[in-house]
Amino acid sequence: MKKATIKDVATAAKVSVATVSYVLNGKTEQKISEEVKKKVFQWTNLLNYQPNNNAIALRFNKTKNIAIISSIHLSYIQKVDLMDFLELFYKTIAPKGYKIIYIYQEKPEVINNVDAIVCYNTTKEHFYSLGELNIVPLIAIDVVLQDPIFYQINKDYQAIKAAADNHFLDQYLFISIEPLSVK
């Protein structure tokens, strides 16, 4: 069965394509009667019309895709940790309609059709190179940057403590509770 288009909805409802678009997008600039709105919604449901995701992405400049980039040089333990992170991250973003695109990268490259890039355990150089090539938010997880411009998420508590020891020269109190995985 062929996928219904906005034109199919307009034809079935006996209105213009523009009217269907106004109704489905909640536009209030045009005066459209409640009867016509109801008819458009009914035909949208009867025909099982689904808006084209590519058209939505173009219109709002949002793809609902997040790229996860990791080094290709991960140890077995790091890969297990990455899979745990991906599972928890997906559970967080999926209810908002986002999808994950996972990419192993040897060298940085342009990544199209994503709303953000999450670098997981990559080198500092790889992270900065990705930032130069892509114009989307860039998030570092388990990447030590020591750069106040970027927010960082780091789960390597020993590395964090060693950096704090070096910076504060033992004149501080370090308190850390390792978070439990949410199941």
C-alpha atoms as a PDB file:
ATOM      1  CA  MET A   1       0.000   0.000   0.000  1.00  0.00           C
ATOM      2  CA  LYS A   2       1.315   3.422  -0.994  1.00  0.00           C
ATOM      3  CA  LYS A   3       2.063   5.924   1.759  1.00  0.00           C
ATOM      4  CA  ALA A   4      -0.511   8.744   1.929  1.00  0.00           C
ATOM      5  CA  THR A   5       0.663  12.228   1.009  1.00  0.00           C
ATOM      6  CA  ILE A   6      -0.573  15.643   2.070  1.00  0.00           C
ATOM      7  CA  LYS A   7      -2.130  15.916  -1.407  1.00  0.00           C
ATOM      8  CA  ASP A   8      -4.118  12.702  -0.763  1.00  0.00           C
ATOM      9  CA  VAL A   9      -5.471  14.190   2.474  1.00  0.00           C
ATOM     10  CA  ALA A  10      -6.395  17.430   0.680  1.00  0.00           C
ATOM     11  CA  THR A  11      -8.185  15.554  -2.119  1.00  0.00           C
ATOM     12  CA  ALA A  12     -10.127  13.344   0.303  1.00  0.00           C
ATOM     13  CA  ALA A  13     -11.102  16.289   2.527  1.00  0.00           C
ATOM     14  CA  LYS A  14     -11.949  18.419  -0.543  1.00  0.00           C
ATOM     15  CA  VAL A  15      -9.681  21.264   0.559  1.00  0.00           C
ATOM     16  CA  SER A  16      -6.402  22.712  -0.707  1.00  0.00           C
ATOM     17  CA  VAL A  17      -2.996  21.333   0.177  1.00  0.00           C
ATOM     18  CA  ALA A  18      -2.260  24.684   1.832  1.00  0.00           C
ATOM     19  CA  THR A  19      -5.325  24.276   4.077  1.00  0.00           C
ATOM     20  CA  VAL A  20      -4.174  20.805   5.171  1.00  0.00           C
ATOM     21  CA  SER A  21      -0.717  22.216   5.882  1.00  0.00           C
ATOM     22  CA  TYR A  22      -2.144  25.104   7.916  1.00  0.00           C
ATOM     23  CA  VAL A  23      -4.341  22.759   9.954  1.00  0.00           C
ATOM     24  CA  LEU A  24      -1.658  20.133  10.625  1.00  0.00           C
ATOM     25  CA  ASN A  25       0.956  22.751  11.533  1.00  0.00           C
ATOM     26  CA  GLY A  26      -1.424  24.636  13.806  1.00  0.00           C
ATOM     27  CA  LYS A  27      -1.120  27.881  11.848  1.00  0.00           C
ATOM     28  CA  THR A  28      -3.525  30.571  13.012  1.00  0.00           C
ATOM     29  CA  GLU A  29      -2.848  33.206  10.326  1.00  0.00           C
ATOM     30  CA  GLN A  30      -5.610  31.724   8.163  1.00  0.00           C
ATOM     31  CA  LYS A  31      -9.210  31.551   9.334  1.00  0.00           C
ATOM     32  CA  ILE A  32     -10.215  27.909   9.003  1.00  0.00           C
ATOM     33  CA  SER A  33     -13.521  26.693  10.383  1.00  0.00           C
ATOM     34  CA  GLU A  34     -13.646  24.024  13.065  1.00  0.00           C
ATOM     35  CA  GLU A  35     -15.631  21.848  10.639  1.00  0.00           C
ATOM     36  CA  VAL A  36     -12.824  21.952   8.048  1.00  0.00           C
ATOM     37  CA  LYS A  37     -10.177  21.300  10.733  1.00  0.00           C
ATOM     38  CA  LYS A  38     -12.156  18.300  11.953  1.00  0.00           C
ATOM     39  CA  LYS A  39     -12.497  16.956   8.400  1.00  0.00           C
ATOM     40  CA  VAL A  40      -8.727  17.329   7.780  1.00  0.00           C
ATOM     41  CA  PHE A  41      -7.876  15.507  11.016  1.00  0.00           C
ATOM     42  CA  GLN A  42     -10.356  12.725  10.213  1.00  0.00           C
ATOM     43  CA  TRP A  43      -8.882  12.152   6.744  1.00  0.00           C
ATOM     44  CA  THR A  44      -5.367  12.350   8.161  1.00  0.00           C
ATOM     45  CA  ASN A  45      -6.263   9.498  10.507  1.00  0.00           C
ATOM     46  CA  LEU A  46      -8.269   7.487   7.959  1.00  0.00           C
ATOM     47  CA  LEU A  47      -5.451   7.633   5.412  1.00  0.00           C
ATOM     48  CA  ASN A  48      -2.818   7.070   8.130  1.00  0.00           C
ATOM     49  CA  TYR A  49      -0.954  10.141   6.886  1.00  0.00           C
ATOM     50  CA  GLN A  50       2.506  10.605   8.423  1.00  0.00           C
ATOM     51  CA  PRO A  51       4.477  13.772   7.680  1.00  0.00           C
ATOM     52  CA  ASN A  52       7.726  13.263   5.801  1.00  0.00           C
ATOM     53  CA  ASN A  53      10.598  13.295   8.323  1.00  0.00           C
ATOM     54  CA  ASN A  54      13.012  14.766   5.771  1.00  0.00           C
ATOM     55  CA  ALA A  55      10.639  17.643   5.085  1.00  0.00           C
ATOM     56  CA  ILE A  56      10.277  18.293   8.819  1.00  0.00           C
ATOM     57  CA  ALA A  57      14.055  18.215   9.234  1.00  0.00           C
ATOM     58  CA  LEU A  58      14.478  20.754   6.426  1.00  0.00           C
ATOM     59  CA  ARG A  59      11.775  23.031   7.775  1.00  0.00           C
ATOM     60  CA  PHE A  60      12.906  23.096  11.378  1.00  0.00           C
ATOM     61  CA  ASN A  61      16.576  22.299  10.743  1.00  0.00           C
ATOM     62  CA  LYS A  62      16.209  19.321  13.141  1.00  0.00           C
ATOM     63  CA  THR A  63      16.840  15.682  12.266  1.00  0.00           C
ATOM     64  CA  LYS A  64      16.240  14.077  15.682  1.00  0.00           C
ATOM     65  CA  ASN A  65      19.543  12.213  15.161  1.00  0.00           C
ATOM     66  CA  ILE A  66      22.483  12.330  17.557  1.00  0.00           C
ATOM     67  CA  ALA A  67      25.839  10.974  16.442  1.00  0.00           C
ATOM     68  CA  ILE A  68      27.941   9.072  18.955  1.00  0.00           C
ATOM     69  CA  ILE A  69      31.584   8.976  17.912  1.00  0.00           C
ATOM     70  CA  SER A  70      34.151   6.782  19.617  1.00  0.00           C
ATOM     71  CA  SER A  71      37.721   5.866  19.050  1.00  0.00           C
ATOM     72  CA  ILE A  72      38.392   2.688  17.126  1.00  0.00           C
ATOM     73  CA  HIS A  73      41.059   1.898  19.724  1.00  0.00           C
ATOM     74  CA  LEU A  74      38.825   0.943  22.653  1.00  0.00           C
ATOM     75  CA  SER A  75      39.712  -1.923  24.960  1.00  0.00           C
ATOM     76  CA  TYR A  76      37.174  -4.647  25.651  1.00  0.00           C
ATOM     77  CA  ILE A  77      36.270  -3.017  28.990  1.00  0.00           C
ATOM     78  CA  GLN A  78      35.843   0.385  27.311  1.00  0.00           C
ATOM     79  CA  LYS A  79      33.544  -1.199  24.701  1.00  0.00           C
ATOM     80  CA  VAL A  80      31.399  -2.718  27.460  1.00  0.00           C
ATOM     81  CA  ASP A  81      31.272   0.682  29.188  1.00  0.00           C
ATOM     82  CA  LEU A  82      30.311   2.303  25.871  1.00  0.00           C
ATOM     83  CA  MET A  83      27.456  -0.171  25.351  1.00  0.00           C
ATOM     84  CA  ASP A  84      26.176   0.575  28.874  1.00  0.00           C
ATOM     85  CA  PHE A  85      26.348   4.312  28.124  1.00  0.00           C
ATOM     86  CA  LEU A  86      24.552   3.876  24.771  1.00  0.00           C
ATOM     87  CA  GLU A  87      21.733   1.923  26.428  1.00  0.00           C
ATOM     88  CA  LEU A  88      21.195   4.528  29.153  1.00  0.00           C
ATOM     89  CA  PHE A  89      21.571   7.444  26.737  1.00  0.00           C
ATOM     90  CA  TYR A  90      19.056   5.926  24.307  1.00  0.00           C
ATOM     91  CA  LYS A  91      16.528   5.367  27.104  1.00  0.00           C
ATOM     92  CA  THR A  92      16.841   9.075  27.901  1.00  0.00           C
ATOM     93  CA  ILE A  93      16.517  10.461  24.367  1.00  0.00           C
ATOM     94  CA  ALA A  94      14.124   7.960  22.742  1.00  0.00           C
ATOM     95  CA  PRO A  95      10.988   9.311  24.484  1.00  0.00           C
ATOM     96  CA  LYS A  96      11.773  12.682  22.874  1.00  0.00           C
ATOM     97  CA  GLY A  97      11.901  11.073  19.422  1.00  0.00           C
ATOM     98  CA  TYR A  98      15.688  11.098  19.013  1.00  0.00           C
ATOM     99  CA  LYS A  99      17.736   8.315  17.437  1.00  0.00           C
ATOM    100  CA  ILE A 100      21.390   7.403  17.837  1.00  0.00           C
ATOM    101  CA  ILE A 101      23.799   7.087  14.940  1.00  0.00           C
ATOM    102  CA  TYR A 102      26.909   5.284  16.179  1.00  0.00           C
ATOM    103  CA  ILE A 103      30.122   5.965  14.256  1.00  0.00           C
ATOM    104  CA  TYR A 104      33.585   4.451  14.663  1.00  0.00           C
ATOM    105  CA  GLN A 105      36.060   6.974  13.276  1.00  0.00           C
ATOM    106  CA  GLU A 106      39.728   6.643  12.460  1.00  0.00           C
ATOM    107  CA  LYS A 107      39.955  10.296  11.411  1.00  0.00           C
ATOM    108  CA  PRO A 108      37.502  13.193  11.887  1.00  0.00           C
ATOM    109  CA  GLU A 109      35.053  13.905   9.076  1.00  0.00           C
ATOM    110  CA  VAL A 110      31.923  15.913   8.333  1.00  0.00           C
ATOM    111  CA  ILE A 111      28.803  14.307   9.779  1.00  0.00           C
ATOM    112  CA  ASN A 112      25.562  15.258   8.075  1.00  0.00           C
ATOM    113  CA  ASN A 113      21.964  15.003   9.267  1.00  0.00           C
ATOM    114  CA  VAL A 114      22.599  15.153  13.010  1.00  0.00           C
ATOM    115  CA  ASP A 115      21.513  17.648  15.659  1.00  0.00           C
ATOM    116  CA  ALA A 116      24.513  16.995  17.933  1.00  0.00           C
ATOM    117  CA  ILE A 117      27.696  14.972  18.169  1.00  0.00           C
ATOM    118  CA  VAL A 118      28.739  13.162  21.338  1.00  0.00           C
ATOM    119  CA  CYS A 119      32.413  12.222  21.452  1.00  0.00           C
ATOM    120  CA  TYR A 120      32.938   9.216  23.680  1.00  0.00           C
ATOM    121  CA  ASN A 121      36.496   8.440  24.750  1.00  0.00           C
ATOM    122  CA  THR A 122      38.174  10.082  21.765  1.00  0.00           C
ATOM    123  CA  THR A 123      41.394  12.053  21.793  1.00  0.00           C
ATOM    124  CA  LYS A 124      41.440  15.780  22.447  1.00  0.00           C
ATOM    125  CA  GLU A 125      42.746  16.329  18.898  1.00  0.00           C
ATOM    126  CA  HIS A 126      39.924  14.258  17.379  1.00  0.00           C
ATOM    127  CA  PHE A 127      37.360  16.259  19.389  1.00  0.00           C
ATOM    128  CA  TYR A 128      38.732  19.632  18.235  1.00  0.00           C
ATOM    129  CA  SER A 129      38.976  18.458  14.618  1.00  0.00           C
ATOM    130  CA  LEU A 130      35.327  17.363  14.696  1.00  0.00           C
ATOM    131  CA  GLY A 131      34.411  20.783  16.067  1.00  0.00           C
ATOM    132  CA  GLU A 132      36.170  22.488  13.171  1.00  0.00           C
ATOM    133  CA  LEU A 133      34.441  20.290  10.569  1.00  0.00           C
ATOM    134  CA  ASN A 134      30.879  20.298  11.960  1.00  0.00           C
ATOM    135  CA  ILE A 135      28.540  23.106  12.986  1.00  0.00           C
ATOM    136  CA  VAL A 136      26.395  21.317  15.581  1.00  0.00           C
ATOM    137  CA  PRO A 137      26.673  21.076  19.375  1.00  0.00           C
ATOM    138  CA  LEU A 138      29.638  18.932  20.385  1.00  0.00           C
ATOM    139  CA  ILE A 139      29.698  17.099  23.729  1.00  0.00           C
ATOM    140  CA  ALA A 140      32.726  15.404  25.272  1.00  0.00           C
ATOM    141  CA  ILE A 141      32.274  12.280  27.384  1.00  0.00           C
ATOM    142  CA  ASP A 142      35.418  10.716  28.851  1.00  0.00           C
ATOM    143  CA  VAL A 143      37.543  13.136  26.820  1.00  0.00           C
ATOM    144  CA  VAL A 144      39.884  15.229  28.946  1.00  0.00           C
ATOM    145  CA  LEU A 145      39.968  18.680  27.349  1.00  0.00           C
ATOM    146  CA  GLN A 146      40.909  21.085  30.146  1.00  0.00           C
ATOM    147  CA  ASP A 147      39.211  23.817  28.125  1.00  0.00           C
ATOM    148  CA  PRO A 148      36.708  26.140  29.863  1.00  0.00           C
ATOM    149  CA  ILE A 149      34.777  26.634  26.609  1.00  0.00           C
ATOM    150  CA  PHE A 150      33.441  23.061  26.622  1.00  0.00           C
ATOM    151  CA  TYR A 151      31.404  21.172  29.175  1.00  0.00           C
ATOM    152  CA  GLN A 152      32.824  17.763  29.883  1.00  0.00           C
ATOM    153  CA  ILE A 153      31.474  14.556  31.334  1.00  0.00           C
ATOM    154  CA  ASN A 154      34.113  12.254  32.713  1.00  0.00           C
ATOM    155  CA  LYS A 155      33.565   8.980  34.537  1.00  0.00           C
ATOM    156  CA  ASP A 156      37.252   8.228  35.152  1.00  0.00           C
ATOM    157  CA  TYR A 157      37.342   9.146  38.840  1.00  0.00           C
ATOM    158  CA  GLN A 158      41.039   8.322  39.226  1.00  0.00           C
ATOM    159  CA  ALA A 159      41.936  10.715  36.376  1.00  0.00           C
ATOM    160  CA  ILE A 160      39.732  13.436  37.856  1.00  0.00           C
ATOM    161  CA  LYS A 161      41.377  12.988  41.288  1.00  0.00           C
ATOM    162  CA  ALA A 162      44.880  13.012  39.768  1.00  0.00           C
ATOM    163  CA  ALA A 163      44.106  16.250  37.880  1.00  0.00           C
ATOM    164  CA  ALA A 164      42.671  17.822  41.061  1.00  0.00           C
ATOM    165  CA  ASP A 165      45.729  16.697  43.094  1.00  0.00           C
ATOM    166  CA  ASN A 166      48.014  18.286  40.504  1.00  0.00           C
ATOM    167  CA  HIS A 167      46.007  21.519  40.356  1.00  0.00           C
ATOM    168  CA  PHE A 168      45.277  22.043  44.071  1.00  0.00           C
ATOM    169  CA  LEU A 169      48.463  20.423  45.466  1.00  0.00           C
ATOM    170  CA  ASP A 170      46.645  18.464  48.195  1.00  0.00           C
ATOM    171  CA  GLN A 171      44.968  21.595  49.664  1.00  0.00           C
ATOM    172  CA  TYR A 172      41.415  20.498  48.985  1.00  0.00           C
ATOM    173  CA  LEU A 173      38.805  17.909  49.912  1.00  0.00           C
ATOM    174  CA  PHE A 174      37.849  15.498  47.122  1.00  0.00           C
ATOM    175  CA  ILE A 175      34.433  13.871  47.522  1.00  0.00           C
ATOM    176  CA  SER A 176      33.075  11.544  44.866  1.00  0.00           C
ATOM    177  CA  ILE A 177      30.306   8.991  44.817  1.00  0.00           C
ATOM    178  CA  GLU A 178      30.382   6.703  41.814  1.00  0.00           C
ATOM    179  CA  PRO A 179      26.868   6.643  40.338  1.00  0.00           C
ATOM    180  CA  LEU A 180      25.055   3.352  40.000  1.00  0.00           C
ATOM    181  CA  SER A 181      23.745   2.280  36.611  1.00  0.00           C
ATOM    182  CA  VAL A 182      20.006   2.739  36.262  1.00  0.00           C
ATOM    183  CA  LYS A 183      18.317  -0.529  35.315  1.00  0.00           C
END
